[in-house]
Amino acid sequence: MKKIVFGILVLVMIGIGASALIGEDVRDRFNPLVKEKDVYVLIKGEGKPNPDFPHRYMFMLNGVDKAGNEEEIKLTASTKKFPENSYLKVHVKGKYVFEYETVQEKEVPEKAKGILEK
């Protein structure tokens, strides 16, 4: 009985250690407690080269959901520059980005638009 309990504790410790080593976005992707949602962002500048993936660019953006809650979004794209002041609708689960699409300014909720334009 003690061996079984000890074995379970070892597996739990390995799981906790492994989750600490992987990135937060990967953890959020597989975490059933984190909800998916759409977040709106405003692109104002160029992306920086992504050190993890050659030929991809990284954008650190301020994202706002429909309720007006803000969060930082790390978006990677194959293009270095989006059209100036373009809005993106980003489908996220915590820090994990599933996909993004360009949207017109009129499609962005007023609450989110007001926060993004500050």
C-alpha atoms as a PDB file:
ATOM      1  CA  MET A   1       0.000   0.000   0.000  1.00  0.00           C
ATOM      2  CA  LYS A   2       2.822   2.375   0.864  1.00  0.00           C
ATOM      3  CA  LYS A   3       4.466   1.695  -2.515  1.00  0.00           C
ATOM      4  CA  ILE A   4       1.276   2.642  -4.374  1.00  0.00           C
ATOM      5  CA  VAL A   5       0.861   5.907  -2.442  1.00  0.00           C
ATOM      6  CA  PHE A   6       4.549   6.698  -2.913  1.00  0.00           C
ATOM      7  CA  GLY A   7       4.273   5.973  -6.660  1.00  0.00           C
ATOM      8  CA  ILE A   8       1.255   8.269  -7.004  1.00  0.00           C
ATOM      9  CA  LEU A   9       3.063  11.054  -5.133  1.00  0.00           C
ATOM     10  CA  VAL A  10       6.091  10.693  -7.402  1.00  0.00           C
ATOM     11  CA  LEU A  11       3.877  10.932 -10.503  1.00  0.00           C
ATOM     12  CA  VAL A  12       2.166  14.040  -9.124  1.00  0.00           C
ATOM     13  CA  MET A  13       5.525  15.663  -8.398  1.00  0.00           C
ATOM     14  CA  ILE A  14       6.766  14.865 -11.917  1.00  0.00           C
ATOM     15  CA  GLY A  15       3.576  16.354 -13.371  1.00  0.00           C
ATOM     16  CA  ILE A  16       3.952  19.554 -11.352  1.00  0.00           C
ATOM     17  CA  GLY A  17       7.610  19.830 -12.342  1.00  0.00           C
ATOM     18  CA  ALA A  18       6.836  19.290 -16.019  1.00  0.00           C
ATOM     19  CA  SER A  19       4.076  21.914 -15.977  1.00  0.00           C
ATOM     20  CA  ALA A  20       6.506  24.433 -14.492  1.00  0.00           C
ATOM     21  CA  LEU A  21       8.938  23.866 -17.363  1.00  0.00           C
ATOM     22  CA  ILE A  22       6.498  24.330 -20.239  1.00  0.00           C
ATOM     23  CA  GLY A  23       5.220  27.741 -21.276  1.00  0.00           C
ATOM     24  CA  GLU A  24       2.079  29.318 -19.896  1.00  0.00           C
ATOM     25  CA  ASP A  25       0.431  29.357 -23.320  1.00  0.00           C
ATOM     26  CA  VAL A  26       0.870  25.581 -23.694  1.00  0.00           C
ATOM     27  CA  ARG A  27      -0.571  24.991 -20.217  1.00  0.00           C
ATOM     28  CA  ASP A  28      -3.581  27.184 -21.019  1.00  0.00           C
ATOM     29  CA  ARG A  29      -4.173  25.323 -24.280  1.00  0.00           C
ATOM     30  CA  PHE A  30      -4.772  22.018 -22.485  1.00  0.00           C
ATOM     31  CA  ASN A  31      -6.263  23.321 -19.229  1.00  0.00           C
ATOM     32  CA  PRO A  32     -10.007  22.517 -19.157  1.00  0.00           C
ATOM     33  CA  LEU A  33     -10.640  25.271 -16.583  1.00  0.00           C
ATOM     34  CA  VAL A  34      -9.481  28.098 -18.895  1.00  0.00           C
ATOM     35  CA  LYS A  35     -12.261  29.415 -21.152  1.00  0.00           C
ATOM     36  CA  GLU A  36     -11.944  30.349 -24.818  1.00  0.00           C
ATOM     37  CA  LYS A  37     -12.871  33.878 -25.863  1.00  0.00           C
ATOM     38  CA  ASP A  38     -12.364  36.518 -28.532  1.00  0.00           C
ATOM     39  CA  VAL A  39     -10.078  39.457 -27.797  1.00  0.00           C
ATOM     40  CA  TYR A  40      -9.643  42.561 -29.936  1.00  0.00           C
ATOM     41  CA  VAL A  41      -6.265  44.200 -30.521  1.00  0.00           C
ATOM     42  CA  LEU A  42      -5.054  47.291 -32.357  1.00  0.00           C
ATOM     43  CA  ILE A  43      -1.836  46.912 -34.360  1.00  0.00           C
ATOM     44  CA  LYS A  44       0.218  50.119 -34.325  1.00  0.00           C
ATOM     45  CA  GLY A  45       3.755  49.050 -35.219  1.00  0.00           C
ATOM     46  CA  GLU A  46       5.997  46.387 -36.664  1.00  0.00           C
ATOM     47  CA  GLY A  47       6.650  42.974 -35.196  1.00  0.00           C
ATOM     48  CA  LYS A  48       9.997  41.936 -33.783  1.00  0.00           C
ATOM     49  CA  PRO A  49      11.786  38.797 -35.019  1.00  0.00           C
ATOM     50  CA  ASN A  50      10.653  35.778 -33.014  1.00  0.00           C
ATOM     51  CA  PRO A  51      13.682  34.070 -31.412  1.00  0.00           C
ATOM     52  CA  ASP A  52      11.840  30.727 -31.225  1.00  0.00           C
ATOM     53  CA  PHE A  53      10.797  30.553 -34.895  1.00  0.00           C
ATOM     54  CA  PRO A  54      12.892  31.936 -37.761  1.00  0.00           C
ATOM     55  CA  HIS A  55      10.961  33.894 -40.405  1.00  0.00           C
ATOM     56  CA  ARG A  56       8.147  34.688 -37.927  1.00  0.00           C
ATOM     57  CA  TYR A  57       7.476  37.950 -36.155  1.00  0.00           C
ATOM     58  CA  MET A  58       6.195  38.550 -32.646  1.00  0.00           C
ATOM     59  CA  PHE A  59       3.758  41.240 -31.542  1.00  0.00           C
ATOM     60  CA  MET A  60       3.161  41.952 -27.834  1.00  0.00           C
ATOM     61  CA  LEU A  61      -0.263  43.604 -27.835  1.00  0.00           C
ATOM     62  CA  ASN A  62      -2.827  44.921 -25.403  1.00  0.00           C
ATOM     63  CA  GLY A  63      -6.011  42.890 -25.940  1.00  0.00           C
ATOM     64  CA  VAL A  64      -9.524  43.752 -24.781  1.00  0.00           C
ATOM     65  CA  ASP A  65     -12.548  41.444 -24.700  1.00  0.00           C
ATOM     66  CA  LYS A  66     -16.193  42.462 -25.176  1.00  0.00           C
ATOM     67  CA  ALA A  67     -16.604  43.154 -21.454  1.00  0.00           C
ATOM     68  CA  GLY A  68     -13.631  45.550 -21.421  1.00  0.00           C
ATOM     69  CA  ASN A  69     -11.193  43.266 -19.594  1.00  0.00           C
ATOM     70  CA  GLU A  70      -7.587  43.862 -20.664  1.00  0.00           C
ATOM     71  CA  GLU A  71      -4.827  41.306 -21.086  1.00  0.00           C
ATOM     72  CA  GLU A  72      -1.483  41.083 -22.853  1.00  0.00           C
ATOM     73  CA  ILE A  73      -1.464  38.962 -26.017  1.00  0.00           C
ATOM     74  CA  LYS A  74       1.626  37.477 -27.677  1.00  0.00           C
ATOM     75  CA  LEU A  75       0.799  37.093 -31.352  1.00  0.00           C
ATOM     76  CA  THR A  76       3.159  35.559 -33.908  1.00  0.00           C
ATOM     77  CA  ALA A  77       2.733  36.047 -37.647  1.00  0.00           C
ATOM     78  CA  SER A  78       4.653  35.470 -40.846  1.00  0.00           C
ATOM     79  CA  THR A  79       4.278  39.134 -41.761  1.00  0.00           C
ATOM     80  CA  LYS A  80       6.381  41.821 -40.115  1.00  0.00           C
ATOM     81  CA  LYS A  81       3.917  44.626 -40.632  1.00  0.00           C
ATOM     82  CA  PHE A  82       0.133  44.781 -40.681  1.00  0.00           C
ATOM     83  CA  PRO A  83      -1.652  47.783 -42.206  1.00  0.00           C
ATOM     84  CA  GLU A  84      -1.259  50.793 -39.879  1.00  0.00           C
ATOM     85  CA  ASN A  85      -3.919  50.983 -37.124  1.00  0.00           C
ATOM     86  CA  SER A  86      -5.614  47.737 -38.122  1.00  0.00           C
ATOM     87  CA  TYR A  87      -7.838  45.801 -35.738  1.00  0.00           C
ATOM     88  CA  LEU A  88      -7.538  42.076 -35.203  1.00  0.00           C
ATOM     89  CA  LYS A  89      -9.988  39.689 -33.599  1.00  0.00           C
ATOM     90  CA  VAL A  90      -7.889  37.092 -31.771  1.00  0.00           C
ATOM     91  CA  HIS A  91      -9.394  33.804 -30.559  1.00  0.00           C
ATOM     92  CA  VAL A  92      -7.551  32.869 -27.342  1.00  0.00           C
ATOM     93  CA  LYS A  93      -7.652  30.414 -24.470  1.00  0.00           C
ATOM     94  CA  GLY A  94      -5.747  32.086 -21.656  1.00  0.00           C
ATOM     95  CA  LYS A  95      -2.367  32.983 -23.182  1.00  0.00           C
ATOM     96  CA  TYR A  96      -2.697  30.521 -26.077  1.00  0.00           C
ATOM     97  CA  VAL A  97      -3.664  32.075 -29.439  1.00  0.00           C
ATOM     98  CA  PHE A  98      -5.734  29.788 -31.679  1.00  0.00           C
ATOM     99  CA  GLU A  99      -6.192  32.151 -34.614  1.00  0.00           C
ATOM    100  CA  TYR A 100      -6.653  35.764 -35.600  1.00  0.00           C
ATOM    101  CA  GLU A 101      -8.425  37.660 -38.336  1.00  0.00           C
ATOM    102  CA  THR A 102      -8.462  41.252 -39.516  1.00  0.00           C
ATOM    103  CA  VAL A 103     -11.739  43.039 -38.759  1.00  0.00           C
ATOM    104  CA  GLN A 104     -13.163  46.420 -39.679  1.00  0.00           C
ATOM    105  CA  GLU A 105     -13.327  49.147 -37.043  1.00  0.00           C
ATOM    106  CA  LYS A 106     -17.146  48.973 -37.009  1.00  0.00           C
ATOM    107  CA  GLU A 107     -16.996  45.281 -35.979  1.00  0.00           C
ATOM    108  CA  VAL A 108     -15.053  46.056 -32.780  1.00  0.00           C
ATOM    109  CA  PRO A 109     -17.282  46.513 -29.683  1.00  0.00           C
ATOM    110  CA  GLU A 110     -17.435  50.138 -28.493  1.00  0.00           C
ATOM    111  CA  LYS A 111     -16.143  49.289 -25.016  1.00  0.00           C
ATOM    112  CA  ALA A 112     -13.085  47.534 -26.457  1.00  0.00           C
ATOM    113  CA  LYS A 113     -12.478  50.248 -29.043  1.00  0.00           C
ATOM    114  CA  GLY A 114     -12.476  52.959 -26.393  1.00  0.00           C
ATOM    115  CA  ILE A 115      -9.843  51.157 -24.333  1.00  0.00           C
ATOM    116  CA  LEU A 116      -7.658  50.283 -27.331  1.00  0.00           C
ATOM    117  CA  GLU A 117      -7.569  53.831 -28.694  1.00  0.00           C
ATOM    118  CA  LYS A 118      -6.240  55.344 -25.448  1.00  0.00           C
END
